[in-house]
């Protein structure tokens, strides 16, 4: 059980966090943040294996969280999957250092495959 990867889910919608957990199943440990400030705090504390990040977060946007992570040597290598209802932000998000951009509403199988592909490579 100790070899399970930790995924930090950052979204202000509890139902979306639940959907992500259900999509990835019991093969992972999960931590959750409902705003950008808590997302960064948990990233520092837990050093998760991956982060699923919404762009529209209270207190600190997902794009700001991503920029802070990529500028921090302790966090810059954590794979970040941005899940957003704003497909026009895809290019900016990928340029900012996200590993993947997944449009809401998302296909749970696509999310799982994307995360597994990145985590198996690390």
PDB file of N, CA and C in Angstrom:
ATOM      1  N   UNK A   1       0.815  -1.206   0.000  1.00  0.00           N
ATOM      2  CA  UNK A   1       0.000   0.000   0.000  1.00  0.00           C
ATOM      3  C   UNK A   1       0.855   1.266   0.000  1.00  0.00           C
ATOM      4  N   UNK A   2       2.053   1.198   0.561  1.00  0.00           N
ATOM      5  CA  UNK A   2       2.885   2.395   0.657  1.00  0.00           C
ATOM      6  C   UNK A   2       3.378   2.885  -0.689  1.00  0.00           C
ATOM      7  N   UNK A   3       3.263   2.045  -1.732  1.00  0.00           N
ATOM      8  CA  UNK A   3       3.740   2.472  -3.041  1.00  0.00           C
ATOM      9  C   UNK A   3       2.679   3.220  -3.832  1.00  0.00           C
ATOM     10  N   UNK A   4       1.508   3.442  -3.233  1.00  0.00           N
ATOM     11  CA  UNK A   4       0.470   4.207  -3.929  1.00  0.00           C
ATOM     12  C   UNK A   4       0.914   5.645  -4.093  1.00  0.00           C
ATOM     13  N   UNK A   5       0.656   6.193  -5.261  1.00  0.00           N
ATOM     14  CA  UNK A   5       1.013   7.585  -5.547  1.00  0.00           C
ATOM     15  C   UNK A   5      -0.026   8.522  -4.932  1.00  0.00           C
ATOM     16  N   UNK A   6       0.425   9.710  -4.552  1.00  0.00           N
ATOM     17  CA  UNK A   6      -0.457  10.718  -3.982  1.00  0.00           C
ATOM     18  C   UNK A   6      -0.821  11.740  -5.050  1.00  0.00           C
ATOM     19  N   UNK A   7      -2.121  11.996  -5.179  1.00  0.00           N
ATOM     20  CA  UNK A   7      -2.627  12.977  -6.137  1.00  0.00           C
ATOM     21  C   UNK A   7      -3.316  14.082  -5.347  1.00  0.00           C
ATOM     22  N   UNK A   8      -2.894  15.311  -5.580  1.00  0.00           N
ATOM     23  CA  UNK A   8      -3.507  16.484  -4.965  1.00  0.00           C
ATOM     24  C   UNK A   8      -4.535  17.053  -5.941  1.00  0.00           C
ATOM     25  N   UNK A   9      -5.797  17.068  -5.511  1.00  0.00           N
ATOM     26  CA  UNK A   9      -6.894  17.557  -6.343  1.00  0.00           C
ATOM     27  C   UNK A   9      -7.257  18.960  -5.881  1.00  0.00           C
ATOM     28  N   UNK A  10      -7.152  19.926  -6.765  1.00  0.00           N
ATOM     29  CA  UNK A  10      -7.396  21.326  -6.427  1.00  0.00           C
ATOM     30  C   UNK A  10      -8.549  21.858  -7.263  1.00  0.00           C
ATOM     31  N   UNK A  11      -9.721  21.928  -6.651  1.00  0.00           N
ATOM     32  CA  UNK A  11     -10.905  22.448  -7.320  1.00  0.00           C
ATOM     33  C   UNK A  11     -11.854  22.935  -6.244  1.00  0.00           C
ATOM     34  N   UNK A  12     -12.544  24.031  -6.511  1.00  0.00           N
ATOM     35  CA  UNK A  12     -13.462  24.574  -5.500  1.00  0.00           C
ATOM     36  C   UNK A  12     -14.819  23.878  -5.506  1.00  0.00           C
ATOM     37  N   UNK A  13     -15.053  22.975  -6.453  1.00  0.00           N
ATOM     38  CA  UNK A  13     -16.315  22.247  -6.520  1.00  0.00           C
ATOM     39  C   UNK A  13     -16.157  20.849  -5.927  1.00  0.00           C
ATOM     40  N   UNK A  14     -16.803  20.575  -4.774  1.00  0.00           N
ATOM     41  CA  UNK A  14     -16.682  19.256  -4.149  1.00  0.00           C
ATOM     42  C   UNK A  14     -17.083  18.106  -5.074  1.00  0.00           C
ATOM     43  N   UNK A  15     -18.096  18.319  -5.913  1.00  0.00           N
ATOM     44  CA  UNK A  15     -18.526  17.246  -6.814  1.00  0.00           C
ATOM     45  C   UNK A  15     -17.452  16.907  -7.841  1.00  0.00           C
ATOM     46  N   UNK A  16     -16.715  17.897  -8.293  1.00  0.00           N
ATOM     47  CA  UNK A  16     -15.656  17.623  -9.247  1.00  0.00           C
ATOM     48  C   UNK A  16     -14.515  16.865  -8.564  1.00  0.00           C
ATOM     49  N   UNK A  17     -14.181  17.246  -7.338  1.00  0.00           N
ATOM     50  CA  UNK A  17     -13.141  16.513  -6.609  1.00  0.00           C
ATOM     51  C   UNK A  17     -13.554  15.051  -6.431  1.00  0.00           C
ATOM     52  N   UNK A  18     -14.819  14.839  -6.134  1.00  0.00           N
ATOM     53  CA  UNK A  18     -15.329  13.480  -5.978  1.00  0.00           C
ATOM     54  C   UNK A  18     -15.253  12.704  -7.301  1.00  0.00           C
ATOM     55  N   UNK A  19     -15.592  13.354  -8.404  1.00  0.00           N
ATOM     56  CA  UNK A  19     -15.520  12.714  -9.715  1.00  0.00           C
ATOM     57  C   UNK A  19     -14.080  12.326 -10.056  1.00  0.00           C
ATOM     58  N   UNK A  20     -13.131  13.190  -9.736  1.00  0.00           N
ATOM     59  CA  UNK A  20     -11.724  12.870  -9.999  1.00  0.00           C
ATOM     60  C   UNK A  20     -11.310  11.655  -9.171  1.00  0.00           C
ATOM     61  N   UNK A  21     -11.666  11.633  -7.893  1.00  0.00           N
ATOM     62  CA  UNK A  21     -11.327  10.475  -7.044  1.00  0.00           C
ATOM     63  C   UNK A  21     -11.927   9.196  -7.626  1.00  0.00           C
ATOM     64  N   UNK A  22     -13.187   9.265  -8.028  1.00  0.00           N
ATOM     65  CA  UNK A  22     -13.857   8.092  -8.588  1.00  0.00           C
ATOM     66  C   UNK A  22     -13.212   7.668  -9.911  1.00  0.00           C
ATOM     67  N   UNK A  23     -12.778   8.623 -10.701  1.00  0.00           N
ATOM     68  CA  UNK A  23     -12.151   8.323 -11.993  1.00  0.00           C
ATOM     69  C   UNK A  23     -10.819   7.602 -11.819  1.00  0.00           C
ATOM     70  N   UNK A  24     -10.078   7.986 -10.797  1.00  0.00           N
ATOM     71  CA  UNK A  24      -8.747   7.407 -10.600  1.00  0.00           C
ATOM     72  C   UNK A  24      -8.780   6.144  -9.755  1.00  0.00           C
ATOM     73  N   UNK A  25      -9.815   5.919  -9.016  1.00  0.00           N
ATOM     74  CA  UNK A  25     -10.070   4.748  -8.184  1.00  0.00           C
ATOM     75  C   UNK A  25      -9.130   4.637  -6.992  1.00  0.00           C
ATOM     76  N   UNK A  26      -9.181   3.515  -6.347  1.00  0.00           N
ATOM     77  CA  UNK A  26      -8.481   3.318  -5.077  1.00  0.00           C
ATOM     78  C   UNK A  26      -6.982   3.086  -5.231  1.00  0.00           C
ATOM     79  N   UNK A  27      -6.478   3.161  -6.430  1.00  0.00           N
ATOM     80  CA  UNK A  27      -5.055   2.944  -6.631  1.00  0.00           C
ATOM     81  C   UNK A  27      -4.186   4.108  -6.187  1.00  0.00           C
ATOM     82  N   UNK A  28      -4.794   5.174  -5.743  1.00  0.00           N
ATOM     83  CA  UNK A  28      -4.060   6.383  -5.354  1.00  0.00           C
ATOM     84  C   UNK A  28      -4.479   6.837  -3.959  1.00  0.00           C
ATOM     85  N   UNK A  29      -3.600   7.622  -3.341  1.00  0.00           N
ATOM     86  CA  UNK A  29      -3.962   8.377  -2.138  1.00  0.00           C
ATOM     87  C   UNK A  29      -4.330   9.766  -2.626  1.00  0.00           C
ATOM     88  N   UNK A  30      -5.291  10.392  -1.953  1.00  0.00           N
ATOM     89  CA  UNK A  30      -5.746  11.711  -2.385  1.00  0.00           C
ATOM     90  C   UNK A  30      -5.641  12.732  -1.268  1.00  0.00           C
ATOM     91  N   UNK A  31      -5.330  13.960  -1.670  1.00  0.00           N
ATOM     92  CA  UNK A  31      -5.442  15.131  -0.807  1.00  0.00           C
ATOM     93  C   UNK A  31      -6.233  16.138  -1.624  1.00  0.00           C
ATOM     94  N   UNK A  32      -6.938  17.026  -0.938  1.00  0.00           N
ATOM     95  CA  UNK A  32      -7.803  17.965  -1.647  1.00  0.00           C
ATOM     96  C   UNK A  32      -7.611  19.384  -1.138  1.00  0.00           C
ATOM     97  N   UNK A  33      -7.726  20.319  -2.085  1.00  0.00           N
ATOM     98  CA  UNK A  33      -7.687  21.741  -1.769  1.00  0.00           C
ATOM     99  C   UNK A  33      -8.828  22.415  -2.519  1.00  0.00           C
ATOM    100  N   UNK A  34      -9.498  23.341  -1.844  1.00  0.00           N
ATOM    101  CA  UNK A  34     -10.617  24.042  -2.485  1.00  0.00           C
ATOM    102  C   UNK A  34     -10.247  25.454  -2.924  1.00  0.00           C
ATOM    103  N   UNK A  35      -9.001  25.866  -2.689  1.00  0.00           N
ATOM    104  CA  UNK A  35      -8.539  27.164  -3.186  1.00  0.00           C
ATOM    105  C   UNK A  35      -7.045  27.110  -3.468  1.00  0.00           C
ATOM    106  N   UNK A  36      -6.556  28.131  -4.159  1.00  0.00           N
ATOM    107  CA  UNK A  36      -5.169  28.135  -4.596  1.00  0.00           C
ATOM    108  C   UNK A  36      -4.154  28.253  -3.482  1.00  0.00           C
ATOM    109  N   UNK A  37      -4.489  28.954  -2.413  1.00  0.00           N
ATOM    110  CA  UNK A  37      -3.559  29.099  -1.289  1.00  0.00           C
ATOM    111  C   UNK A  37      -3.341  27.746  -0.616  1.00  0.00           C
ATOM    112  N   UNK A  38      -4.427  27.049  -0.336  1.00  0.00           N
ATOM    113  CA  UNK A  38      -4.326  25.724   0.286  1.00  0.00           C
ATOM    114  C   UNK A  38      -3.624  24.747  -0.659  1.00  0.00           C
ATOM    115  N   UNK A  39      -3.873  24.871  -1.952  1.00  0.00           N
ATOM    116  CA  UNK A  39      -3.210  23.996  -2.931  1.00  0.00           C
ATOM    117  C   UNK A  39      -1.692  24.104  -2.810  1.00  0.00           C
ATOM    118  N   UNK A  40      -1.177  25.317  -2.732  1.00  0.00           N
ATOM    119  CA  UNK A  40       0.277  25.493  -2.601  1.00  0.00           C
ATOM    120  C   UNK A  40       0.785  24.997  -1.256  1.00  0.00           C
ATOM    121  N   UNK A  41       0.039  25.256  -0.199  1.00  0.00           N
ATOM    122  CA  UNK A  41       0.443  24.780   1.125  1.00  0.00           C
ATOM    123  C   UNK A  41       0.547  23.255   1.136  1.00  0.00           C
ATOM    124  N   UNK A  42      -0.468  22.582   0.585  1.00  0.00           N
ATOM    125  CA  UNK A  42      -0.453  21.121   0.552  1.00  0.00           C
ATOM    126  C   UNK A  42       0.637  20.591  -0.368  1.00  0.00           C
ATOM    127  N   UNK A  43       0.886  21.274  -1.464  1.00  0.00           N
ATOM    128  CA  UNK A  43       1.961  20.847  -2.367  1.00  0.00           C
ATOM    129  C   UNK A  43       3.301  20.856  -1.630  1.00  0.00           C
ATOM    130  N   UNK A  44       3.551  21.899  -0.849  1.00  0.00           N
ATOM    131  CA  UNK A  44       4.791  21.978  -0.067  1.00  0.00           C
ATOM    132  C   UNK A  44       4.835  20.889   1.001  1.00  0.00           C
ATOM    133  N   UNK A  45       3.725  20.701   1.679  1.00  0.00           N
ATOM    134  CA  UNK A  45       3.675  19.761   2.792  1.00  0.00           C
ATOM    135  C   UNK A  45       3.774  18.306   2.324  1.00  0.00           C
ATOM    136  N   UNK A  46       3.047  17.952   1.265  1.00  0.00           N
ATOM    137  CA  UNK A  46       2.921  16.558   0.850  1.00  0.00           C
ATOM    138  C   UNK A  46       3.870  16.139  -0.263  1.00  0.00           C
ATOM    139  N   UNK A  47       4.336  17.088  -1.080  1.00  0.00           N
ATOM    140  CA  UNK A  47       5.114  16.771  -2.284  1.00  0.00           C
ATOM    141  C   UNK A  47       4.395  15.652  -3.054  1.00  0.00           C
ATOM    142  N   UNK A  48       3.178  15.932  -3.545  1.00  0.00           N
ATOM    143  CA  UNK A  48       2.399  14.893  -4.217  1.00  0.00           C
ATOM    144  C   UNK A  48       3.082  14.412  -5.497  1.00  0.00           C
ATOM    145  N   UNK A  49       2.672  13.241  -5.937  1.00  0.00           N
ATOM    146  CA  UNK A  49       3.211  12.678  -7.175  1.00  0.00           C
ATOM    147  C   UNK A  49       2.601  13.352  -8.399  1.00  0.00           C
ATOM    148  N   UNK A  50       1.412  13.939  -8.214  1.00  0.00           N
ATOM    149  CA  UNK A  50       0.741  14.661  -9.297  1.00  0.00           C
ATOM    150  C   UNK A  50      -0.285  15.613  -8.705  1.00  0.00           C
ATOM    151  N   UNK A  51      -0.618  16.644  -9.476  1.00  0.00           N
ATOM    152  CA  UNK A  51      -1.638  17.599  -9.060  1.00  0.00           C
ATOM    153  C   UNK A  51      -2.639  17.766 -10.198  1.00  0.00           C
ATOM    154  N   UNK A  52      -3.919  17.761  -9.827  1.00  0.00           N
ATOM    155  CA  UNK A  52      -4.991  18.083 -10.766  1.00  0.00           C
ATOM    156  C   UNK A  52      -5.497  19.447 -10.345  1.00  0.00           C
ATOM    157  N   UNK A  53      -5.424  20.409 -11.246  1.00  0.00           N
ATOM    158  CA  UNK A  53      -5.596  21.809 -10.893  1.00  0.00           C
ATOM    159  C   UNK A  53      -6.625  22.497 -11.775  1.00  0.00           C
ATOM    160  N   UNK A  54      -7.625  23.096 -11.139  1.00  0.00           N
ATOM    161  CA  UNK A  54      -8.598  23.924 -11.846  1.00  0.00           C
ATOM    162  C   UNK A  54      -8.004  25.323 -12.016  1.00  0.00           C
ATOM    163  N   UNK A  55      -8.402  26.041 -13.050  1.00  0.00           N
ATOM    164  CA  UNK A  55      -7.911  27.411 -13.243  1.00  0.00           C
ATOM    165  C   UNK A  55      -8.653  28.416 -12.374  1.00  0.00           C
ATOM    166  N   UNK A  56      -9.954  28.229 -12.235  1.00  0.00           N
ATOM    167  CA  UNK A  56     -10.786  29.189 -11.507  1.00  0.00           C
ATOM    168  C   UNK A  56     -10.895  28.776 -10.049  1.00  0.00           C
ATOM    169  N   UNK A  57      -9.953  29.236  -9.239  1.00  0.00           N
ATOM    170  CA  UNK A  57      -9.933  28.923  -7.811  1.00  0.00           C
ATOM    171  C   UNK A  57     -10.048  30.195  -6.989  1.00  0.00           C
ATOM    172  N   UNK A  58     -10.673  30.123  -5.817  1.00  0.00           N
ATOM    173  CA  UNK A  58     -10.697  31.282  -4.927  1.00  0.00           C
ATOM    174  C   UNK A  58      -9.288  31.588  -4.388  1.00  0.00           C
ATOM    175  N   UNK A  59      -9.084  32.817  -3.999  1.00  0.00           N
ATOM    176  CA  UNK A  59      -7.886  33.330  -3.330  1.00  0.00           C
ATOM    177  C   UNK A  59      -6.632  33.353  -4.187  1.00  0.00           C
ATOM    178  N   UNK A  60      -6.417  32.372  -5.032  1.00  0.00           N
ATOM    179  CA  UNK A  60      -5.247  32.333  -5.915  1.00  0.00           C
ATOM    180  C   UNK A  60      -5.624  31.460  -7.108  1.00  0.00           C
ATOM    181  N   UNK A  61      -5.472  31.991  -8.308  1.00  0.00           N
ATOM    182  CA  UNK A  61      -5.898  31.247  -9.496  1.00  0.00           C
ATOM    183  C   UNK A  61      -5.001  30.036  -9.739  1.00  0.00           C
ATOM    184  N   UNK A  62      -5.533  29.095 -10.490  1.00  0.00           N
ATOM    185  CA  UNK A  62      -4.748  27.925 -10.852  1.00  0.00           C
ATOM    186  C   UNK A  62      -3.512  28.293 -11.654  1.00  0.00           C
ATOM    187  N   UNK A  63      -3.621  29.290 -12.520  1.00  0.00           N
ATOM    188  CA  UNK A  63      -2.459  29.725 -13.302  1.00  0.00           C
ATOM    189  C   UNK A  63      -1.373  30.301 -12.389  1.00  0.00           C
ATOM    190  N   UNK A  64      -1.776  31.038 -11.356  1.00  0.00           N
ATOM    191  CA  UNK A  64      -0.808  31.554 -10.378  1.00  0.00           C
ATOM    192  C   UNK A  64      -0.159  30.412  -9.597  1.00  0.00           C
ATOM    193  N   UNK A  65      -0.968  29.435  -9.206  1.00  0.00           N
ATOM    194  CA  UNK A  65      -0.434  28.270  -8.486  1.00  0.00           C
ATOM    195  C   UNK A  65       0.597  27.557  -9.363  1.00  0.00           C
ATOM    196  N   UNK A  66       0.261  27.339 -10.619  1.00  0.00           N
ATOM    197  CA  UNK A  66       1.170  26.676 -11.545  1.00  0.00           C
ATOM    198  C   UNK A  66       2.469  27.469 -11.699  1.00  0.00           C
ATOM    199  N   UNK A  67       2.368  28.777 -11.861  1.00  0.00           N
ATOM    200  CA  UNK A  67       3.568  29.617 -12.002  1.00  0.00           C
ATOM    201  C   UNK A  67       4.436  29.532 -10.743  1.00  0.00           C
ATOM    202  N   UNK A  68       3.816  29.572  -9.571  1.00  0.00           N
ATOM    203  CA  UNK A  68       4.580  29.458  -8.321  1.00  0.00           C
ATOM    204  C   UNK A  68       5.280  28.108  -8.219  1.00  0.00           C
ATOM    205  N   UNK A  69       4.582  27.056  -8.624  1.00  0.00           N
ATOM    206  CA  UNK A  69       5.182  25.725  -8.558  1.00  0.00           C
ATOM    207  C   UNK A  69       6.371  25.600  -9.499  1.00  0.00           C
ATOM    208  N   UNK A  70       6.227  26.098 -10.704  1.00  0.00           N
ATOM    209  CA  UNK A  70       7.319  25.975 -11.670  1.00  0.00           C
ATOM    210  C   UNK A  70       8.521  26.839 -11.294  1.00  0.00           C
ATOM    211  N   UNK A  71       8.302  27.874 -10.479  1.00  0.00           N
ATOM    212  CA  UNK A  71       9.398  28.730 -10.029  1.00  0.00           C
ATOM    213  C   UNK A  71      10.065  28.198  -8.759  1.00  0.00           C
ATOM    214  N   UNK A  72       9.485  27.205  -8.121  1.00  0.00           N
ATOM    215  CA  UNK A  72       9.979  26.676  -6.847  1.00  0.00           C
ATOM    216  C   UNK A  72      10.702  25.357  -7.104  1.00  0.00           C
ATOM    217  N   UNK A  73      12.000  25.314  -6.799  1.00  0.00           N
ATOM    218  CA  UNK A  73      12.777  24.107  -7.098  1.00  0.00           C
ATOM    219  C   UNK A  73      12.254  22.872  -6.380  1.00  0.00           C
ATOM    220  N   UNK A  74      11.561  23.043  -5.260  1.00  0.00           N
ATOM    221  CA  UNK A  74      11.023  21.888  -4.524  1.00  0.00           C
ATOM    222  C   UNK A  74       9.755  21.338  -5.167  1.00  0.00           C
ATOM    223  N   UNK A  75       9.069  22.154  -5.979  1.00  0.00           N
ATOM    224  CA  UNK A  75       7.783  21.747  -6.550  1.00  0.00           C
ATOM    225  C   UNK A  75       7.792  21.648  -8.068  1.00  0.00           C
ATOM    226  N   UNK A  76       8.818  22.148  -8.709  1.00  0.00           N
ATOM    227  CA  UNK A  76       8.758  22.310 -10.170  1.00  0.00           C
ATOM    228  C   UNK A  76       8.624  21.008 -10.947  1.00  0.00           C
ATOM    229  N   UNK A  77       9.011  19.882 -10.367  1.00  0.00           N
ATOM    230  CA  UNK A  77       8.944  18.626 -11.103  1.00  0.00           C
ATOM    231  C   UNK A  77       7.649  17.847 -10.891  1.00  0.00           C
ATOM    232  N   UNK A  78       6.743  18.378 -10.075  1.00  0.00           N
ATOM    233  CA  UNK A  78       5.463  17.698  -9.852  1.00  0.00           C
ATOM    234  C   UNK A  78       4.617  17.840 -11.113  1.00  0.00           C
ATOM    235  N   UNK A  79       4.165  16.723 -11.683  1.00  0.00           N
ATOM    236  CA  UNK A  79       3.300  16.823 -12.856  1.00  0.00           C
ATOM    237  C   UNK A  79       1.978  17.516 -12.509  1.00  0.00           C
ATOM    238  N   UNK A  80       1.576  18.470 -13.335  1.00  0.00           N
ATOM    239  CA  UNK A  80       0.343  19.223 -13.102  1.00  0.00           C
ATOM    240  C   UNK A  80      -0.584  19.031 -14.308  1.00  0.00           C
ATOM    241  N   UNK A  81      -1.798  18.593 -13.993  1.00  0.00           N
ATOM    242  CA  UNK A  81      -2.842  18.389 -14.997  1.00  0.00           C
ATOM    243  C   UNK A  81      -3.903  19.453 -14.763  1.00  0.00           C
ATOM    244  N   UNK A  82      -4.021  20.373 -15.685  1.00  0.00           N
ATOM    245  CA  UNK A  82      -5.022  21.424 -15.553  1.00  0.00           C
ATOM    246  C   UNK A  82      -6.321  20.922 -16.165  1.00  0.00           C
ATOM    247  N   UNK A  83      -7.399  21.014 -15.370  1.00  0.00           N
ATOM    248  CA  UNK A  83      -8.739  20.636 -15.813  1.00  0.00           C
ATOM    249  C   UNK A  83      -9.566  21.911 -15.766  1.00  0.00           C
ATOM    250  N   UNK A  84     -10.049  22.346 -16.932  1.00  0.00           N
ATOM    251  CA  UNK A  84     -10.729  23.635 -16.986  1.00  0.00           C
ATOM    252  C   UNK A  84     -11.837  23.650 -18.026  1.00  0.00           C
ATOM    253  N   UNK A  85     -12.830  24.475 -17.760  1.00  0.00           N
ATOM    254  CA  UNK A  85     -13.923  24.690 -18.713  1.00  0.00           C
ATOM    255  C   UNK A  85     -13.557  25.764 -19.735  1.00  0.00           C
ATOM    256  N   UNK A  86     -12.337  26.235 -19.717  1.00  0.00           N
ATOM    257  CA  UNK A  86     -11.887  27.320 -20.588  1.00  0.00           C
ATOM    258  C   UNK A  86     -10.881  26.804 -21.609  1.00  0.00           C
ATOM    259  N   UNK A  87     -11.337  26.139 -22.686  1.00  0.00           N
ATOM    260  CA  UNK A  87     -10.397  25.567 -23.651  1.00  0.00           C
ATOM    261  C   UNK A  87      -9.500  26.599 -24.318  1.00  0.00           C
ATOM    262  N   UNK A  88      -9.945  27.843 -24.383  1.00  0.00           N
ATOM    263  CA  UNK A  88      -9.112  28.885 -25.000  1.00  0.00           C
ATOM    264  C   UNK A  88      -7.869  29.197 -24.167  1.00  0.00           C
ATOM    265  N   UNK A  89      -7.798  28.671 -22.948  1.00  0.00           N
ATOM    266  CA  UNK A  89      -6.617  28.901 -22.099  1.00  0.00           C
ATOM    267  C   UNK A  89      -5.558  27.815 -22.266  1.00  0.00           C
ATOM    268  N   UNK A  90      -5.863  26.800 -23.085  1.00  0.00           N
ATOM    269  CA  UNK A  90      -4.958  25.645 -23.241  1.00  0.00           C
ATOM    270  C   UNK A  90      -3.519  26.065 -23.532  1.00  0.00           C
ATOM    271  N   UNK A  91      -3.321  26.908 -24.532  1.00  0.00           N
ATOM    272  CA  UNK A  91      -1.964  27.281 -24.928  1.00  0.00           C
ATOM    273  C   UNK A  91      -1.217  27.982 -23.796  1.00  0.00           C
ATOM    274  N   UNK A  92      -1.869  28.924 -23.143  1.00  0.00           N
ATOM    275  CA  UNK A  92      -1.227  29.654 -22.035  1.00  0.00           C
ATOM    276  C   UNK A  92      -0.875  28.710 -20.889  1.00  0.00           C
ATOM    277  N   UNK A  93      -1.754  27.770 -20.620  1.00  0.00           N
ATOM    278  CA  UNK A  93      -1.531  26.823 -19.528  1.00  0.00           C
ATOM    279  C   UNK A  93      -0.341  25.912 -19.839  1.00  0.00           C
ATOM    280  N   UNK A  94      -0.274  25.405 -21.064  1.00  0.00           N
ATOM    281  CA  UNK A  94       0.843  24.540 -21.432  1.00  0.00           C
ATOM    282  C   UNK A  94       2.156  25.321 -21.467  1.00  0.00           C
ATOM    283  N   UNK A  95       2.111  26.566 -21.935  1.00  0.00           N
ATOM    284  CA  UNK A  95       3.315  27.404 -21.924  1.00  0.00           C
ATOM    285  C   UNK A  95       3.778  27.696 -20.503  1.00  0.00           C
ATOM    286  N   UNK A  96       2.832  27.759 -19.564  1.00  0.00           N
ATOM    287  CA  UNK A  96       3.170  28.026 -18.166  1.00  0.00           C
ATOM    288  C   UNK A  96       3.759  26.797 -17.476  1.00  0.00           C
ATOM    289  N   UNK A  97       3.705  25.645 -18.141  1.00  0.00           N
ATOM    290  CA  UNK A  97       4.370  24.474 -17.587  1.00  0.00           C
ATOM    291  C   UNK A  97       3.482  23.318 -17.191  1.00  0.00           C
ATOM    292  N   UNK A  98       2.199  23.356 -17.520  1.00  0.00           N
ATOM    293  CA  UNK A  98       1.330  22.213 -17.215  1.00  0.00           C
ATOM    294  C   UNK A  98       1.744  21.021 -18.075  1.00  0.00           C
ATOM    295  N   UNK A  99       1.595  19.842 -17.521  1.00  0.00           N
ATOM    296  CA  UNK A  99       1.911  18.621 -18.269  1.00  0.00           C
ATOM    297  C   UNK A  99       0.792  18.246 -19.228  1.00  0.00           C
ATOM    298  N   UNK A 100      -0.432  18.652 -18.887  1.00  0.00           N
ATOM    299  CA  UNK A 100      -1.580  18.341 -19.749  1.00  0.00           C
ATOM    300  C   UNK A 100      -2.700  19.322 -19.448  1.00  0.00           C
ATOM    301  N   UNK A 101      -3.540  19.518 -20.449  1.00  0.00           N
ATOM    302  CA  UNK A 101      -4.737  20.351 -20.311  1.00  0.00           C
ATOM    303  C   UNK A 101      -5.927  19.477 -20.683  1.00  0.00           C
ATOM    304  N   UNK A 102      -6.864  19.338 -19.759  1.00  0.00           N
ATOM    305  CA  UNK A 102      -8.048  18.509 -19.979  1.00  0.00           C
ATOM    306  C   UNK A 102      -9.269  19.400 -19.828  1.00  0.00           C
ATOM    307  N   UNK A 103     -10.121  19.402 -20.860  1.00  0.00           N
ATOM    308  CA  UNK A 103     -11.286  20.287 -20.872  1.00  0.00           C
ATOM    309  C   UNK A 103     -12.447  19.686 -20.091  1.00  0.00           C
ATOM    310  N   UNK A 104     -13.082  20.532 -19.259  1.00  0.00           N
ATOM    311  CA  UNK A 104     -14.320  20.136 -18.580  1.00  0.00           C
ATOM    312  C   UNK A 104     -15.470  20.329 -19.544  1.00  0.00           C
ATOM    313  N   UNK A 105     -16.482  19.494 -19.532  1.00  0.00           N
ATOM    314  CA  UNK A 105     -16.510  18.248 -18.761  1.00  0.00           C
ATOM    315  C   UNK A 105     -15.545  17.252 -19.385  1.00  0.00           C
ATOM    316  N   UNK A 106     -14.922  16.440 -18.547  1.00  0.00           N
ATOM    317  CA  UNK A 106     -13.899  15.535 -19.045  1.00  0.00           C
ATOM    318  C   UNK A 106     -14.382  14.092 -19.027  1.00  0.00           C
ATOM    319  N   UNK A 107     -13.720  13.312 -19.845  1.00  0.00           N
ATOM    320  CA  UNK A 107     -13.949  11.870 -19.888  1.00  0.00           C
ATOM    321  C   UNK A 107     -13.108  11.258 -18.766  1.00  0.00           C
ATOM    322  N   UNK A 108     -13.726  10.604 -17.782  1.00  0.00           N
ATOM    323  CA  UNK A 108     -12.968  10.028 -16.662  1.00  0.00           C
ATOM    324  C   UNK A 108     -11.851   9.081 -17.124  1.00  0.00           C
ATOM    325  N   UNK A 109     -12.102   8.317 -18.184  1.00  0.00           N
ATOM    326  CA  UNK A 109     -11.068   7.403 -18.676  1.00  0.00           C
ATOM    327  C   UNK A 109      -9.884   8.164 -19.266  1.00  0.00           C
ATOM    328  N   UNK A 110     -10.166   9.284 -19.941  1.00  0.00           N
ATOM    329  CA  UNK A 110      -9.078  10.105 -20.495  1.00  0.00           C
ATOM    330  C   UNK A 110      -8.218  10.677 -19.369  1.00  0.00           C
ATOM    331  N   UNK A 111      -8.863  11.150 -18.310  1.00  0.00           N
ATOM    332  CA  UNK A 111      -8.114  11.681 -17.171  1.00  0.00           C
ATOM    333  C   UNK A 111      -7.224  10.604 -16.574  1.00  0.00           C
ATOM    334  N   UNK A 112      -7.785   9.441 -16.345  1.00  0.00           N
ATOM    335  CA  UNK A 112      -7.019   8.350 -15.744  1.00  0.00           C
ATOM    336  C   UNK A 112      -5.842   7.959 -16.633  1.00  0.00           C
ATOM    337  N   UNK A 113      -6.077   7.821 -17.936  1.00  0.00           N
ATOM    338  CA  UNK A 113      -4.994   7.455 -18.858  1.00  0.00           C
ATOM    339  C   UNK A 113      -3.889   8.510 -18.862  1.00  0.00           C
ATOM    340  N   UNK A 114      -4.265   9.780 -18.868  1.00  0.00           N
ATOM    341  CA  UNK A 114      -3.267  10.865 -18.876  1.00  0.00           C
ATOM    342  C   UNK A 114      -2.391  10.814 -17.634  1.00  0.00           C
ATOM    343  N   UNK A 115      -3.016  10.645 -16.506  1.00  0.00           N
ATOM    344  CA  UNK A 115      -2.258  10.609 -15.247  1.00  0.00           C
ATOM    345  C   UNK A 115      -1.377   9.366 -15.174  1.00  0.00           C
ATOM    346  N   UNK A 116      -1.925   8.224 -15.535  1.00  0.00           N
ATOM    347  CA  UNK A 116      -1.138   6.997 -15.500  1.00  0.00           C
ATOM    348  C   UNK A 116       0.067   7.073 -16.423  1.00  0.00           C
ATOM    349  N   UNK A 117      -0.122   7.664 -17.608  1.00  0.00           N
ATOM    350  CA  UNK A 117       0.963   7.785 -18.573  1.00  0.00           C
ATOM    351  C   UNK A 117       2.125   8.606 -17.983  1.00  0.00           C
ATOM    352  N   UNK A 118       1.814   9.712 -17.350  1.00  0.00           N
ATOM    353  CA  UNK A 118       2.856  10.568 -16.768  1.00  0.00           C
ATOM    354  C   UNK A 118       3.480   9.922 -15.542  1.00  0.00           C
ATOM    355  N   UNK A 119       2.661   9.351 -14.669  1.00  0.00           N
ATOM    356  CA  UNK A 119       3.197   8.769 -13.437  1.00  0.00           C
ATOM    357  C   UNK A 119       4.022   7.510 -13.688  1.00  0.00           C
ATOM    358  N   UNK A 120       3.683   6.744 -14.693  1.00  0.00           N
ATOM    359  CA  UNK A 120       4.466   5.552 -15.013  1.00  0.00           C
ATOM    360  C   UNK A 120       5.831   5.936 -15.578  1.00  0.00           C
ATOM    361  N   UNK A 121       5.898   7.094 -16.198  1.00  0.00           N
ATOM    362  CA  UNK A 121       7.173   7.557 -16.761  1.00  0.00           C
ATOM    363  C   UNK A 121       8.099   8.117 -15.687  1.00  0.00           C
ATOM    364  N   UNK A 122       7.525   8.471 -14.523  1.00  0.00           N
ATOM    365  CA  UNK A 122       8.370   9.078 -13.473  1.00  0.00           C
ATOM    366  C   UNK A 122       8.881   8.066 -12.498  1.00  0.00           C
TER     367      UNK A 122
END
